[in-house]
Amino acid sequence: MTPILIIIHVAFCVALILIVLLQKGKGAGMGAAFGGSSQTVFGSAGATSFLHKVTTVVAIVFMLSSLGLSFFMGKRVTTSIMEDVSQPSIPAAERSEAPAQTGDTQKRP
């Protein structure tokens, strides 16, 4: 299931990049940057174009595949190369002592 989801995710990622690059900008002039462009009810380009709708659908599928990947990858069983290594045991007498002094914490006359 996970490899199929990864393939879908990468395909929609590339599609989203290409669709966004195909769209033209809203306002390229300096006047548009300072609010000089005319705005209508639907914006300067009119009603929502087909390319904008496709971008929305591809973005939603991309987000859902991201969530799906995080869900499936989070349930993976992980192994460690350190499983067979034994921990050195510390005697109880050493553990109960005060921690070693660090730095310049000794009493001076």
N, C-alpha and C. Protein backbone atom coordinates (compact mmCIF):
# COMPACT_ATOMS: atom_id res chain seq x y z
N MET A 1 0.82 -1.20 0.00
CA MET A 1 0.00 0.00 0.00
C MET A 1 0.86 1.25 0.00
N THR A 2 1.93 1.23 0.79
CA THR A 2 2.78 2.41 0.90
C THR A 2 3.48 2.76 -0.41
N PRO A 3 4.06 1.81 -1.15
CA PRO A 3 4.69 2.19 -2.42
C PRO A 3 3.71 2.81 -3.42
N ILE A 4 2.48 2.32 -3.43
CA ILE A 4 1.47 2.89 -4.32
C ILE A 4 1.16 4.32 -3.91
N LEU A 5 1.05 4.55 -2.62
CA LEU A 5 0.77 5.89 -2.12
C LEU A 5 1.93 6.84 -2.40
N ILE A 6 3.16 6.34 -2.33
CA ILE A 6 4.33 7.18 -2.65
C ILE A 6 4.32 7.55 -4.12
N ILE A 7 3.98 6.62 -5.00
CA ILE A 7 3.93 6.90 -6.44
C ILE A 7 2.84 7.93 -6.73
N ILE A 8 1.69 7.77 -6.12
CA ILE A 8 0.60 8.75 -6.30
C ILE A 8 1.03 10.12 -5.79
N HIS A 9 1.68 10.14 -4.64
CA HIS A 9 2.12 11.40 -4.05
C HIS A 9 3.11 12.13 -4.95
N VAL A 10 4.10 11.42 -5.47
CA VAL A 10 5.10 12.03 -6.34
C VAL A 10 4.46 12.50 -7.65
N ALA A 11 3.54 11.71 -8.19
CA ALA A 11 2.87 12.10 -9.44
C ALA A 11 2.05 13.38 -9.25
N PHE A 12 1.33 13.47 -8.17
CA PHE A 12 0.54 14.68 -7.93
C PHE A 12 1.43 15.86 -7.55
N CYS A 13 2.56 15.60 -6.96
CA CYS A 13 3.51 16.67 -6.66
C CYS A 13 4.04 17.29 -7.95
N VAL A 14 4.45 16.46 -8.90
CA VAL A 14 4.94 16.95 -10.18
C VAL A 14 3.81 17.65 -10.94
N ALA A 15 2.61 17.08 -10.91
CA ALA A 15 1.47 17.70 -11.60
C ALA A 15 1.15 19.06 -11.00
N LEU A 16 1.21 19.17 -9.69
CA LEU A 16 0.92 20.45 -9.04
C LEU A 16 1.96 21.50 -9.43
N ILE A 17 3.21 21.12 -9.48
CA ILE A 17 4.26 22.05 -9.89
C ILE A 17 4.02 22.53 -11.32
N LEU A 18 3.72 21.60 -12.22
CA LEU A 18 3.51 21.98 -13.63
C LEU A 18 2.26 22.84 -13.80
N ILE A 19 1.19 22.53 -13.10
CA ILE A 19 -0.04 23.31 -13.23
C ILE A 19 0.16 24.73 -12.70
N VAL A 20 0.87 24.86 -11.60
CA VAL A 20 1.11 26.20 -11.06
C VAL A 20 2.00 27.00 -12.00
N LEU A 21 2.98 26.36 -12.60
CA LEU A 21 3.84 27.07 -13.54
C LEU A 21 3.12 27.47 -14.82
N LEU A 22 2.06 26.75 -15.18
CA LEU A 22 1.30 27.09 -16.39
C LEU A 22 0.41 28.31 -16.21
N GLN A 23 0.05 28.61 -14.99
CA GLN A 23 -0.86 29.73 -14.75
C GLN A 23 -0.13 31.05 -14.93
N LYS A 24 -0.88 32.05 -15.35
CA LYS A 24 -0.26 33.35 -15.51
C LYS A 24 -0.56 34.19 -14.26
N GLY A 25 0.33 35.11 -13.98
CA GLY A 25 0.23 35.93 -12.78
C GLY A 25 -0.96 36.87 -12.84
N LYS A 26 -1.41 37.34 -11.68
CA LYS A 26 -2.57 38.24 -11.62
C LYS A 26 -2.21 39.65 -12.07
N GLY A 27 -1.14 40.18 -11.54
CA GLY A 27 -0.76 41.54 -11.90
C GLY A 27 0.74 41.64 -12.01
N ALA A 28 1.23 41.91 -13.22
CA ALA A 28 2.67 41.92 -13.42
C ALA A 28 3.24 43.33 -13.35
N GLY A 29 2.42 44.35 -13.47
CA GLY A 29 2.92 45.71 -13.49
C GLY A 29 3.13 46.27 -12.10
N MET A 30 3.85 47.38 -12.02
CA MET A 30 4.08 48.03 -10.73
C MET A 30 2.79 48.61 -10.17
N GLY A 31 1.88 49.01 -11.03
CA GLY A 31 0.62 49.57 -10.55
C GLY A 31 -0.21 48.54 -9.80
N ALA A 32 -0.12 47.29 -10.20
CA ALA A 32 -0.86 46.23 -9.52
C ALA A 32 -0.29 45.96 -8.14
N ALA A 33 1.00 46.20 -7.96
CA ALA A 33 1.62 45.94 -6.66
C ALA A 33 1.14 46.93 -5.61
N PHE A 34 0.74 48.13 -6.04
CA PHE A 34 0.30 49.16 -5.10
C PHE A 34 -1.21 49.38 -5.13
N GLY A 35 -1.94 48.44 -5.67
CA GLY A 35 -3.40 48.52 -5.65
C GLY A 35 -3.99 49.28 -6.82
N GLY A 36 -3.24 49.48 -7.86
CA GLY A 36 -3.74 50.24 -9.01
C GLY A 36 -4.54 49.43 -9.99
N SER A 37 -4.54 48.09 -9.86
CA SER A 37 -5.29 47.28 -10.80
C SER A 37 -6.77 47.31 -10.46
N SER A 38 -7.58 47.19 -11.49
CA SER A 38 -9.03 47.21 -11.25
C SER A 38 -9.48 45.84 -10.78
N GLN A 39 -10.29 45.81 -9.75
CA GLN A 39 -10.80 44.56 -9.21
C GLN A 39 -12.31 44.53 -9.42
N THR A 40 -12.79 43.43 -9.93
CA THR A 40 -14.22 43.24 -10.08
C THR A 40 -14.68 42.23 -9.03
N VAL A 41 -15.91 41.79 -9.14
CA VAL A 41 -16.43 40.85 -8.15
C VAL A 41 -15.63 39.55 -8.16
N PHE A 42 -15.26 39.07 -9.34
CA PHE A 42 -14.53 37.80 -9.45
C PHE A 42 -13.04 38.01 -9.60
N GLY A 43 -12.51 39.17 -9.41
CA GLY A 43 -11.09 39.44 -9.60
C GLY A 43 -10.84 39.98 -10.98
N SER A 44 -9.58 40.25 -11.27
CA SER A 44 -9.25 40.87 -12.55
C SER A 44 -9.34 39.90 -13.72
N ALA A 45 -9.28 38.60 -13.47
CA ALA A 45 -9.31 37.61 -14.55
C ALA A 45 -10.72 37.10 -14.82
N GLY A 46 -11.70 37.54 -14.08
CA GLY A 46 -13.06 37.05 -14.27
C GLY A 46 -13.34 35.86 -13.38
N ALA A 47 -14.29 35.03 -13.80
CA ALA A 47 -14.67 33.86 -13.00
C ALA A 47 -13.52 32.87 -12.95
N THR A 48 -13.60 31.93 -12.04
CA THR A 48 -12.55 30.94 -11.84
C THR A 48 -12.35 30.12 -13.10
N SER A 49 -11.10 30.04 -13.54
CA SER A 49 -10.80 29.30 -14.77
C SER A 49 -10.72 27.80 -14.50
N PHE A 50 -10.70 27.06 -15.58
CA PHE A 50 -10.59 25.61 -15.48
C PHE A 50 -9.26 25.21 -14.84
N LEU A 51 -8.20 25.94 -15.17
CA LEU A 51 -6.88 25.64 -14.63
C LEU A 51 -6.82 25.85 -13.12
N HIS A 52 -7.56 26.85 -12.65
CA HIS A 52 -7.62 27.11 -11.21
C HIS A 52 -8.36 25.97 -10.49
N LYS A 53 -9.42 25.47 -11.10
CA LYS A 53 -10.16 24.35 -10.49
C LYS A 53 -9.33 23.08 -10.45
N VAL A 54 -8.58 22.83 -11.52
CA VAL A 54 -7.71 21.66 -11.56
C VAL A 54 -6.61 21.78 -10.50
N THR A 55 -6.08 22.99 -10.33
CA THR A 55 -5.06 23.22 -9.31
C THR A 55 -5.60 22.92 -7.93
N THR A 56 -6.82 23.33 -7.67
CA THR A 56 -7.44 23.08 -6.37
C THR A 56 -7.61 21.59 -6.12
N VAL A 57 -8.09 20.86 -7.10
CA VAL A 57 -8.30 19.42 -6.95
C VAL A 57 -6.97 18.70 -6.74
N VAL A 58 -5.95 19.05 -7.54
CA VAL A 58 -4.64 18.40 -7.41
C VAL A 58 -4.01 18.73 -6.05
N ALA A 59 -4.19 19.95 -5.57
CA ALA A 59 -3.65 20.33 -4.27
C ALA A 59 -4.33 19.55 -3.15
N ILE A 60 -5.63 19.35 -3.25
CA ILE A 60 -6.36 18.58 -2.23
C ILE A 60 -5.89 17.13 -2.23
N VAL A 61 -5.73 16.53 -3.40
CA VAL A 61 -5.25 15.14 -3.47
C VAL A 61 -3.82 15.05 -2.94
N PHE A 62 -2.99 16.06 -3.23
CA PHE A 62 -1.62 16.09 -2.72
C PHE A 62 -1.61 16.13 -1.19
N MET A 63 -2.47 16.95 -0.61
CA MET A 63 -2.53 17.04 0.85
C MET A 63 -3.04 15.74 1.47
N LEU A 64 -4.04 15.13 0.85
CA LEU A 64 -4.56 13.86 1.37
C LEU A 64 -3.53 12.74 1.27
N SER A 65 -2.76 12.74 0.19
CA SER A 65 -1.71 11.71 0.07
C SER A 65 -0.61 11.96 1.08
N SER A 66 -0.33 13.23 1.40
CA SER A 66 0.66 13.54 2.45
C SER A 66 0.19 13.01 3.80
N LEU A 67 -1.08 13.23 4.11
CA LEU A 67 -1.63 12.72 5.36
C LEU A 67 -1.62 11.19 5.40
N GLY A 68 -1.96 10.58 4.28
CA GLY A 68 -1.94 9.13 4.20
C GLY A 68 -0.55 8.56 4.39
N LEU A 69 0.44 9.19 3.78
CA LEU A 69 1.82 8.74 3.95
C LEU A 69 2.27 8.88 5.39
N SER A 70 1.94 9.99 6.02
CA SER A 70 2.35 10.16 7.41
C SER A 70 1.65 9.15 8.32
N PHE A 71 0.42 8.80 8.00
CA PHE A 71 -0.31 7.81 8.79
C PHE A 71 0.32 6.43 8.65
N PHE A 72 0.62 6.02 7.41
CA PHE A 72 1.17 4.68 7.19
C PHE A 72 2.63 4.58 7.63
N MET A 73 3.40 5.64 7.47
CA MET A 73 4.80 5.60 7.88
C MET A 73 4.93 5.65 9.40
N GLY A 74 3.97 6.24 10.08
CA GLY A 74 4.02 6.31 11.53
C GLY A 74 3.78 4.97 12.19
N LYS A 75 3.14 4.04 11.50
CA LYS A 75 2.84 2.72 12.05
C LYS A 75 3.93 1.70 11.74
N ARG A 76 4.99 2.11 11.08
CA ARG A 76 6.05 1.18 10.73
C ARG A 76 6.77 0.68 11.97
N VAL A 77 7.20 -0.57 11.90
CA VAL A 77 7.98 -1.16 12.98
C VAL A 77 9.44 -0.84 12.69
N THR A 78 10.09 -0.22 13.66
CA THR A 78 11.49 0.13 13.46
C THR A 78 12.37 -0.83 14.25
N THR A 79 13.51 -1.09 13.70
CA THR A 79 14.49 -1.94 14.38
C THR A 79 15.74 -1.12 14.62
N SER A 80 16.54 -1.58 15.54
CA SER A 80 17.76 -0.88 15.89
C SER A 80 18.93 -1.84 15.81
N ILE A 81 20.08 -1.31 15.43
CA ILE A 81 21.27 -2.15 15.41
C ILE A 81 21.84 -2.32 16.80
N MET A 82 21.31 -1.54 17.76
CA MET A 82 21.80 -1.59 19.13
C MET A 82 20.98 -2.53 20.02
N GLU A 83 20.10 -3.33 19.47
CA GLU A 83 19.26 -4.22 20.28
C GLU A 83 20.06 -5.28 21.00
N ASP A 84 21.13 -5.78 20.38
CA ASP A 84 21.90 -6.88 20.97
C ASP A 84 23.00 -6.39 21.90
N VAL A 85 23.19 -5.11 22.04
CA VAL A 85 24.25 -4.57 22.88
C VAL A 85 23.75 -4.50 24.31
N SER A 86 24.56 -5.03 25.23
CA SER A 86 24.15 -5.00 26.63
C SER A 86 24.67 -3.72 27.28
N GLN A 87 23.89 -3.22 28.23
CA GLN A 87 24.25 -2.01 28.96
C GLN A 87 25.13 -2.40 30.15
N PRO A 88 26.21 -1.65 30.41
CA PRO A 88 27.02 -1.96 31.60
C PRO A 88 26.23 -1.63 32.86
N SER A 89 26.30 -2.53 33.82
CA SER A 89 25.55 -2.31 35.06
C SER A 89 26.37 -1.47 36.02
N ILE A 90 25.71 -0.54 36.71
CA ILE A 90 26.37 0.33 37.68
C ILE A 90 25.95 -0.16 39.06
N PRO A 91 26.90 -0.44 39.93
CA PRO A 91 26.55 -0.89 41.28
C PRO A 91 25.71 0.15 42.01
N ALA A 92 24.86 -0.32 42.91
CA ALA A 92 23.95 0.57 43.64
C ALA A 92 24.71 1.58 44.48
N ALA A 93 25.88 1.22 45.01
CA ALA A 93 26.66 2.13 45.86
C ALA A 93 27.12 3.34 45.07
N GLU A 94 27.50 3.15 43.82
CA GLU A 94 27.97 4.26 43.00
C GLU A 94 26.82 5.17 42.60
N ARG A 95 25.64 4.61 42.40
CA ARG A 95 24.49 5.42 41.99
C ARG A 95 24.01 6.33 43.11
N SER A 96 24.16 5.93 44.37
CA SER A 96 23.63 6.71 45.46
C SER A 96 24.55 7.84 45.88
N GLU A 97 25.80 7.81 45.45
CA GLU A 97 26.72 8.88 45.81
C GLU A 97 26.36 10.18 45.11
N ALA A 98 26.89 11.26 45.65
CA ALA A 98 26.66 12.58 45.04
C ALA A 98 27.35 12.61 43.69
N PRO A 99 26.80 13.37 42.76
CA PRO A 99 27.41 13.46 41.44
C PRO A 99 28.80 14.09 41.52
N ALA A 100 29.63 13.75 40.60
CA ALA A 100 30.98 14.27 40.58
C ALA A 100 30.96 15.78 40.39
N GLN A 101 31.93 16.43 41.03
CA GLN A 101 32.00 17.88 40.93
C GLN A 101 32.59 18.25 39.58
N THR A 102 32.02 19.28 39.00
CA THR A 102 32.49 19.75 37.71
C THR A 102 32.94 21.18 37.83
N GLY A 103 33.97 21.52 37.09
CA GLY A 103 34.40 22.91 37.03
C GLY A 103 35.08 23.36 38.32
N ASP A 104 34.84 24.60 38.72
CA ASP A 104 35.49 25.23 39.86
C ASP A 104 34.50 25.34 41.02
N THR A 105 34.05 24.19 41.55
CA THR A 105 33.07 24.21 42.63
C THR A 105 33.68 23.83 43.97
N GLN A 106 35.01 23.70 44.04
CA GLN A 106 35.66 23.33 45.29
C GLN A 106 35.72 24.54 46.22
N LYS A 107 35.70 24.25 47.53
CA LYS A 107 35.78 25.33 48.53
C LYS A 107 37.19 25.86 48.58
N ARG A 108 37.30 27.16 48.68
CA ARG A 108 38.61 27.79 48.78
C ARG A 108 38.74 28.47 50.14
N PRO A 109 39.97 28.48 50.71
CA PRO A 109 40.16 29.11 52.03
C PRO A 109 40.02 30.60 51.98
